[in-house]
Amino acid sequence: MASVKEHQTYWEQAKEAGFDLSWLNQIKENVVDEGVGEISENLTGRVSGSISRPGVAKFGAYPFRTKKEVWGYNLRKLYEEFVSRQWSSATDIPWDTLQELPDDVEAAECQLATFFAQVEFVAADVPGRFIATMSPDYQEVRMALLGQVMDESRHLDVFRKRALANGGGLMRMIDSVSDVVGGGTDNAREYTELSTRLHIVGEGNVLTLFRLGELMAYNDAEKTIYRRCAQDEARHVAIGVLHARYIKECSPERIEEMHSYFDEAEGRQASGAGGENPAARNMLTSEALAVLLGGGKDKADEGQKILLAVRQKQVKEYFQRLKSAGPG
């Protein structure tokens, strides 16, 4: 066992060799404020909250370096919910409950699953493009969007599995891929446009359908899929609502701009133009929904009546989101 004298000798020798712990003092000298600045000067990829080093080359080309362009309230807590509620399509879905379905019902299930696989691909792909364009100082926004990408990728996976699991297979994709969620989402020029179109409008439409999944599910596996996806989708809608609230408070001059996105989306929501609302009239997916809600192609007329109520619920929940977000 080493003695106290031996320890003293060790430290004396270390100091003579140049060992120095004075660098620990910088922790006290550079206390980082938890607040986030209105403008980020971080062009070095420095992690938010870490101590900057002089002389580091500037290599980060971040188009979005202003807080009001990307920020939202309580995103840190929302991200923790993302992390705590992850699930697996391999182990958390009771696939053994799948039973053989009538051909028309199975085809409708597969058509709807194909749509959801397509829509969730876009909902993961587009936000992913914006993550690297934001200053690292706004890591809460980045982390929330990364959480969304994780969720949407899992949704793509689970709906693809559902289409293939019961003998049906993937069906026809809708005609417009780039406009599949929120109208023009794929071409959004900046984050507020993306969030308005995608989170509040597009994700909201899909959330309503997921919440009503019990009506169009024929086994426990499908019911579980819709329940799991609904809780995920609610978080994605929350990202947009929290950002809209911040915009209303800190950039009220942009409210009219947001209304222009809403105006366009409302027309597309009703008509089905762009393909973002699977329940809209004259949509390939609305026919599949009518078959599922009615209980077969021979009862599709009854399913259309139920689908009308679904559309009404979509509109009601849309205006509730606008009221909660603030710009309405």
Protein backbone atom coordinates (compact mmCIF):
# COMPACT_ATOMS: atom_id res chain seq x y z
CA MET A 1 0.00 0.00 0.00
CA ALA A 2 1.38 3.40 -0.95
CA SER A 3 2.24 5.74 1.91
CA VAL A 4 1.41 9.46 2.20
CA LYS A 5 5.09 10.24 1.72
CA GLU A 6 5.18 8.27 -1.54
CA HIS A 7 2.14 10.21 -2.83
CA GLN A 8 3.83 13.50 -2.00
CA THR A 9 6.95 12.39 -3.83
CA TYR A 10 4.83 11.38 -6.85
CA TRP A 11 3.15 14.80 -7.11
CA GLU A 12 6.43 16.64 -6.66
CA GLN A 13 7.95 14.66 -9.49
CA ALA A 14 4.86 15.27 -11.65
CA LYS A 15 5.07 19.03 -11.12
CA GLU A 16 8.75 19.04 -11.98
CA ALA A 17 7.85 17.23 -15.21
CA GLY A 18 5.36 19.98 -16.12
CA PHE A 19 2.14 18.41 -14.86
CA ASP A 20 -0.34 21.23 -14.29
CA LEU A 21 -4.05 21.30 -13.43
CA SER A 22 -4.51 25.03 -13.87
CA TRP A 23 -6.67 24.37 -16.93
CA LEU A 24 -9.44 23.37 -14.53
CA ASN A 25 -9.75 27.02 -13.54
CA GLN A 26 -11.34 27.81 -16.91
CA ILE A 27 -14.49 26.04 -15.75
CA LYS A 28 -14.94 28.76 -13.14
CA GLU A 29 -13.73 31.54 -15.42
CA ASN A 30 -16.06 30.63 -18.31
CA VAL A 31 -19.41 29.98 -16.74
CA VAL A 32 -21.82 29.39 -19.63
CA ASP A 33 -25.22 31.04 -19.46
CA GLU A 34 -28.06 28.59 -20.03
CA GLY A 35 -29.83 31.17 -22.16
CA VAL A 36 -29.52 31.08 -25.95
CA GLY A 37 -28.43 34.22 -27.76
CA GLU A 38 -30.61 35.91 -30.35
CA ILE A 39 -27.79 35.67 -32.90
CA SER A 40 -25.28 32.84 -32.98
CA GLU A 41 -21.66 33.61 -33.86
CA ASN A 42 -20.71 29.95 -33.61
CA LEU A 43 -19.11 29.08 -36.94
CA THR A 44 -16.73 26.41 -35.67
CA GLY A 45 -19.08 23.52 -34.92
CA ARG A 46 -18.60 24.10 -31.20
CA VAL A 47 -21.11 22.17 -29.10
CA SER A 48 -23.66 24.42 -27.43
CA GLY A 49 -22.49 25.41 -23.95
CA SER A 50 -18.87 24.34 -24.40
CA ILE A 51 -15.96 26.75 -23.91
CA SER A 52 -14.71 28.35 -27.11
CA ARG A 53 -11.05 28.24 -28.12
CA PRO A 54 -9.30 31.17 -29.78
CA GLY A 55 -7.81 30.72 -33.20
CA VAL A 56 -10.08 27.89 -34.35
CA ALA A 57 -10.82 28.00 -38.07
CA LYS A 58 -14.38 28.91 -39.07
CA PHE A 59 -15.80 26.13 -41.17
CA GLY A 60 -19.50 25.93 -40.29
CA ALA A 61 -21.73 27.50 -42.92
CA TYR A 62 -25.00 27.69 -41.01
CA PRO A 63 -27.71 29.59 -42.93
CA PHE A 64 -29.91 29.76 -39.81
CA ARG A 65 -28.03 31.60 -37.06
CA THR A 66 -30.87 33.72 -35.68
CA LYS A 67 -32.90 32.37 -32.79
CA LYS A 68 -36.24 33.65 -34.05
CA GLU A 69 -35.81 31.67 -37.28
CA VAL A 70 -35.86 28.27 -35.60
CA TRP A 71 -36.63 28.41 -31.89
CA GLY A 72 -39.55 26.92 -30.00
CA TYR A 73 -40.48 26.76 -26.35
CA ASN A 74 -39.88 23.68 -24.16
CA LEU A 75 -38.14 21.67 -26.88
CA ARG A 76 -35.70 20.21 -24.36
CA LYS A 77 -38.54 18.56 -22.44
CA LEU A 78 -40.13 17.45 -25.69
CA TYR A 79 -36.88 15.78 -26.73
CA GLU A 80 -36.75 13.85 -23.46
CA GLU A 81 -40.21 12.53 -24.30
CA PHE A 82 -38.93 11.50 -27.74
CA VAL A 83 -36.17 9.48 -26.07
CA SER A 84 -38.31 7.87 -23.38
CA ARG A 85 -41.05 6.69 -25.76
CA GLN A 86 -39.07 4.92 -28.45
CA TRP A 87 -40.39 1.52 -29.55
CA SER A 88 -39.51 -1.23 -31.99
CA SER A 89 -41.55 -2.54 -34.89
CA ALA A 90 -39.85 -5.91 -34.37
CA THR A 91 -40.67 -6.47 -30.69
CA ASP A 92 -43.51 -4.14 -29.68
CA ILE A 93 -46.09 -5.06 -32.33
CA PRO A 94 -48.07 -8.33 -31.83
CA TRP A 95 -47.60 -9.55 -35.38
CA ASP A 96 -48.90 -12.98 -34.38
CA THR A 97 -52.42 -11.52 -34.19
CA LEU A 98 -52.56 -10.99 -37.95
CA GLN A 99 -55.23 -13.19 -39.52
CA GLU A 100 -56.14 -13.78 -43.14
CA LEU A 101 -58.45 -10.99 -44.34
CA PRO A 102 -60.84 -10.82 -47.31
CA ASP A 103 -58.95 -9.85 -50.46
CA ASP A 104 -60.62 -6.44 -50.75
CA VAL A 105 -59.90 -5.54 -47.12
CA GLU A 106 -56.29 -6.74 -47.33
CA ALA A 107 -55.77 -4.74 -50.53
CA ALA A 108 -57.18 -1.64 -48.83
CA GLU A 109 -54.94 -2.18 -45.79
CA CYS A 110 -51.91 -2.52 -48.05
CA GLN A 111 -52.83 0.57 -50.06
CA LEU A 112 -53.13 2.63 -46.90
CA ALA A 113 -49.89 1.17 -45.50
CA THR A 114 -48.14 2.06 -48.77
CA PHE A 115 -49.36 5.65 -48.45
CA PHE A 116 -48.20 5.93 -44.84
CA ALA A 117 -44.79 4.45 -45.74
CA GLN A 118 -44.46 7.07 -48.47
CA VAL A 119 -45.66 9.97 -46.35
CA GLU A 120 -43.40 9.05 -43.43
CA PHE A 121 -40.39 8.87 -45.73
CA VAL A 122 -40.94 12.49 -46.73
CA ALA A 123 -41.65 13.51 -43.13
CA ALA A 124 -38.23 12.13 -42.13
CA ASP A 125 -36.28 13.20 -45.19
CA VAL A 126 -37.19 16.89 -45.32
CA PRO A 127 -36.59 17.86 -41.65
CA GLY A 128 -33.29 16.00 -41.84
CA ARG A 129 -32.08 18.48 -44.43
CA PHE A 130 -32.60 21.40 -42.07
CA ILE A 131 -30.75 19.99 -39.07
CA ALA A 132 -27.26 20.67 -40.43
CA THR A 133 -28.24 24.19 -41.53
CA MET A 134 -28.90 25.39 -37.95
CA SER A 135 -26.24 26.76 -35.65
CA PRO A 136 -25.12 24.20 -33.02
CA ASP A 137 -26.12 26.79 -30.41
CA TYR A 138 -29.75 25.87 -31.13
CA GLN A 139 -29.21 22.25 -30.22
CA GLU A 140 -32.69 21.86 -28.69
CA VAL A 141 -34.25 22.39 -32.13
CA ARG A 142 -31.74 20.05 -33.73
CA MET A 143 -32.38 17.32 -31.17
CA ALA A 144 -36.16 17.60 -31.50
CA LEU A 145 -35.90 17.23 -35.28
CA LEU A 146 -33.55 14.28 -34.86
CA GLY A 147 -36.19 12.73 -32.62
CA GLN A 148 -38.74 13.24 -35.37
CA VAL A 149 -36.45 11.62 -37.94
CA MET A 150 -36.12 8.58 -35.64
CA ASP A 151 -39.90 8.35 -35.26
CA GLU A 152 -40.71 8.77 -38.94
CA SER A 153 -38.10 6.21 -39.96
CA ARG A 154 -39.71 3.72 -37.59
CA HIS A 155 -43.16 4.53 -39.05
CA LEU A 156 -41.84 3.92 -42.56
CA ASP A 157 -40.50 0.59 -41.34
CA VAL A 158 -43.65 -0.55 -39.53
CA PHE A 159 -46.07 0.31 -42.35
CA ARG A 160 -43.83 -1.35 -44.91
CA LYS A 161 -43.83 -4.46 -42.71
CA ARG A 162 -47.61 -4.34 -42.42
CA ALA A 163 -47.99 -4.20 -46.19
CA LEU A 164 -45.77 -7.26 -46.59
CA ALA A 165 -46.75 -9.27 -43.50
CA ASN A 166 -50.13 -10.66 -44.49
CA GLY A 167 -49.66 -11.65 -48.11
CA GLY A 168 -50.71 -8.38 -49.75
CA GLY A 169 -47.60 -6.38 -50.53
CA LEU A 170 -46.88 -2.77 -51.35
CA MET A 171 -49.48 -1.14 -53.59
CA ARG A 172 -49.56 1.97 -55.77
CA MET A 173 -47.81 5.11 -54.55
CA ILE A 174 -49.72 8.36 -54.81
CA ASP A 175 -48.89 10.57 -57.76
CA SER A 176 -47.19 13.44 -55.93
CA VAL A 177 -44.29 12.52 -53.66
CA SER A 178 -42.72 15.93 -53.06
CA ASP A 179 -46.01 17.47 -51.89
CA VAL A 180 -47.10 14.49 -49.87
CA VAL A 181 -47.16 16.29 -46.51
CA GLY A 182 -48.35 19.84 -46.09
CA GLY A 183 -48.13 21.00 -49.69
CA GLY A 184 -44.75 22.10 -51.06
CA THR A 185 -42.94 20.89 -47.93
CA ASP A 186 -40.15 19.42 -50.01
CA ASN A 187 -39.45 22.86 -51.47
CA ALA A 188 -39.60 24.82 -48.19
CA ARG A 189 -37.03 27.62 -48.27
CA GLU A 190 -36.63 28.10 -44.54
CA TYR A 191 -37.60 26.50 -41.25
CA THR A 192 -40.77 28.42 -40.41
CA GLU A 193 -42.24 27.52 -43.80
CA LEU A 194 -41.29 23.88 -43.28
CA SER A 195 -42.71 23.75 -39.76
CA THR A 196 -45.97 25.45 -40.71
CA ARG A 197 -46.63 23.18 -43.67
CA LEU A 198 -45.30 19.94 -42.20
CA HIS A 199 -45.86 19.97 -38.44
CA ILE A 200 -49.09 21.90 -38.06
CA VAL A 201 -50.93 20.95 -41.26
CA GLY A 202 -49.50 17.75 -42.72
CA GLU A 203 -48.64 15.91 -39.52
CA GLY A 204 -51.93 17.06 -38.03
CA ASN A 205 -53.96 15.43 -40.81
CA VAL A 206 -52.13 12.15 -40.32
CA LEU A 207 -52.43 12.39 -36.52
CA THR A 208 -56.23 12.50 -36.78
CA LEU A 209 -56.20 9.28 -38.80
CA PHE A 210 -53.82 7.55 -36.41
CA ARG A 211 -56.07 8.48 -33.49
CA LEU A 212 -58.99 6.89 -35.34
CA GLY A 213 -56.98 3.79 -36.16
CA GLU A 214 -59.27 1.61 -34.05
CA LEU A 215 -62.01 2.18 -36.64
CA MET A 216 -59.97 0.83 -39.54
CA ALA A 217 -57.91 -1.84 -37.76
CA TYR A 218 -58.86 -5.52 -38.02
CA ASN A 219 -56.50 -7.00 -35.44
CA ASP A 220 -54.40 -6.11 -32.41
CA ALA A 221 -51.27 -5.63 -34.52
CA GLU A 222 -52.86 -2.84 -36.55
CA LYS A 223 -54.41 -1.27 -33.45
CA THR A 224 -51.02 -1.21 -31.74
CA ILE A 225 -49.37 0.32 -34.80
CA TYR A 226 -51.87 3.18 -34.89
CA ARG A 227 -51.65 3.78 -31.14
CA ARG A 228 -47.86 3.87 -31.18
CA CYS A 229 -47.69 6.10 -34.24
CA ALA A 230 -50.32 8.48 -32.83
CA GLN A 231 -48.26 9.20 -29.72
CA ASP A 232 -45.22 9.85 -31.92
CA GLU A 233 -47.13 12.05 -34.34
CA ALA A 234 -48.47 14.21 -31.51
CA ARG A 235 -44.88 15.17 -30.65
CA HIS A 236 -44.21 16.19 -34.25
CA VAL A 237 -47.26 18.44 -34.24
CA ALA A 238 -46.02 19.90 -30.95
CA ILE A 239 -42.75 20.98 -32.59
CA GLY A 240 -44.71 23.18 -34.99
CA VAL A 241 -47.07 24.54 -32.36
CA LEU A 242 -44.19 25.50 -30.05
CA HIS A 243 -42.36 27.23 -32.90
CA ALA A 244 -45.49 29.11 -33.97
CA ARG A 245 -45.99 30.39 -30.42
CA TYR A 246 -42.44 31.69 -30.37
CA ILE A 247 -42.90 33.37 -33.76
CA LYS A 248 -46.06 35.10 -32.56
CA GLU A 249 -44.24 36.52 -29.55
CA CYS A 250 -40.85 37.36 -31.06
CA SER A 251 -41.52 37.89 -34.80
CA PRO A 252 -45.15 39.02 -35.10
CA GLU A 253 -44.35 40.54 -38.50
CA ARG A 254 -44.20 36.99 -39.88
CA ILE A 255 -47.76 36.06 -38.92
CA GLU A 256 -49.12 37.07 -42.33
CA GLU A 257 -46.47 34.94 -44.00
CA MET A 258 -47.58 31.95 -41.95
CA HIS A 259 -51.19 32.64 -42.89
CA SER A 260 -50.24 32.41 -46.57
CA TYR A 261 -48.95 28.89 -45.93
CA PHE A 262 -52.12 28.01 -44.04
CA ASP A 263 -54.33 29.41 -46.81
CA GLU A 264 -52.64 27.24 -49.41
CA ALA A 265 -52.70 24.18 -47.17
CA GLU A 266 -56.40 24.53 -46.38
CA GLY A 267 -57.33 24.27 -50.04
CA ARG A 268 -55.12 21.26 -50.50
CA GLN A 269 -56.48 19.69 -47.33
CA ALA A 270 -60.01 19.78 -48.69
CA SER A 271 -59.31 18.90 -52.32
CA GLY A 272 -56.51 16.39 -51.84
CA ALA A 273 -54.25 18.30 -54.24
CA GLY A 274 -50.64 17.31 -53.66
CA GLY A 275 -51.70 14.13 -51.92
CA GLU A 276 -51.10 15.26 -48.37
CA ASN A 277 -54.51 14.33 -46.95
CA PRO A 278 -55.36 10.64 -47.40
CA ALA A 279 -58.95 11.28 -46.33
CA ALA A 280 -59.61 13.96 -48.97
CA ARG A 281 -62.11 13.37 -51.77
CA ASN A 282 -61.01 11.74 -55.02
CA MET A 283 -57.90 10.26 -53.42
CA LEU A 284 -56.73 6.69 -53.97
CA THR A 285 -56.29 6.40 -50.22
CA SER A 286 -59.78 7.72 -49.47
CA GLU A 287 -61.22 4.79 -51.42
CA ALA A 288 -59.10 2.42 -49.34
CA LEU A 289 -60.28 4.14 -46.17
CA ALA A 290 -63.91 3.79 -47.25
CA VAL A 291 -63.45 0.05 -47.73
CA LEU A 292 -61.77 -0.34 -44.33
CA LEU A 293 -64.24 1.85 -42.45
CA GLY A 294 -67.24 0.21 -44.09
CA GLY A 295 -66.02 -3.36 -43.71
CA GLY A 296 -65.46 -4.29 -47.36
CA LYS A 297 -65.93 -2.96 -50.88
CA ASP A 298 -69.63 -3.88 -50.84
CA LYS A 299 -70.05 -1.56 -47.84
CA ALA A 300 -67.90 1.27 -49.19
CA ASP A 301 -70.88 3.65 -49.26
CA GLU A 302 -71.25 3.22 -45.51
CA GLY A 303 -67.52 3.75 -45.19
CA GLN A 304 -67.81 7.04 -47.11
CA LYS A 305 -70.28 8.30 -44.52
CA ILE A 306 -67.81 7.50 -41.75
CA LEU A 307 -65.05 9.10 -43.80
CA LEU A 308 -67.10 12.31 -43.97
CA ALA A 309 -67.06 12.40 -40.17
CA VAL A 310 -63.30 11.82 -40.26
CA ARG A 311 -62.85 14.85 -42.52
CA GLN A 312 -64.95 16.94 -40.17
CA LYS A 313 -62.77 15.84 -37.26
CA GLN A 314 -59.64 16.73 -39.21
CA VAL A 315 -60.95 20.26 -39.75
CA LYS A 316 -61.98 20.64 -36.11
CA GLU A 317 -58.59 19.49 -34.83
CA TYR A 318 -56.82 21.71 -37.37
CA PHE A 319 -58.53 24.82 -36.02
CA GLN A 320 -57.80 23.68 -32.47
CA ARG A 321 -54.11 23.55 -33.39
CA LEU A 322 -54.27 27.02 -34.89
CA LYS A 323 -55.86 28.33 -31.71
CA SER A 324 -53.20 26.66 -29.59
CA ALA A 325 -50.35 27.83 -31.83
CA GLY A 326 -51.48 31.44 -31.80
CA PRO A 327 -51.34 32.73 -35.39
CA GLY A 328 -54.98 31.83 -36.09
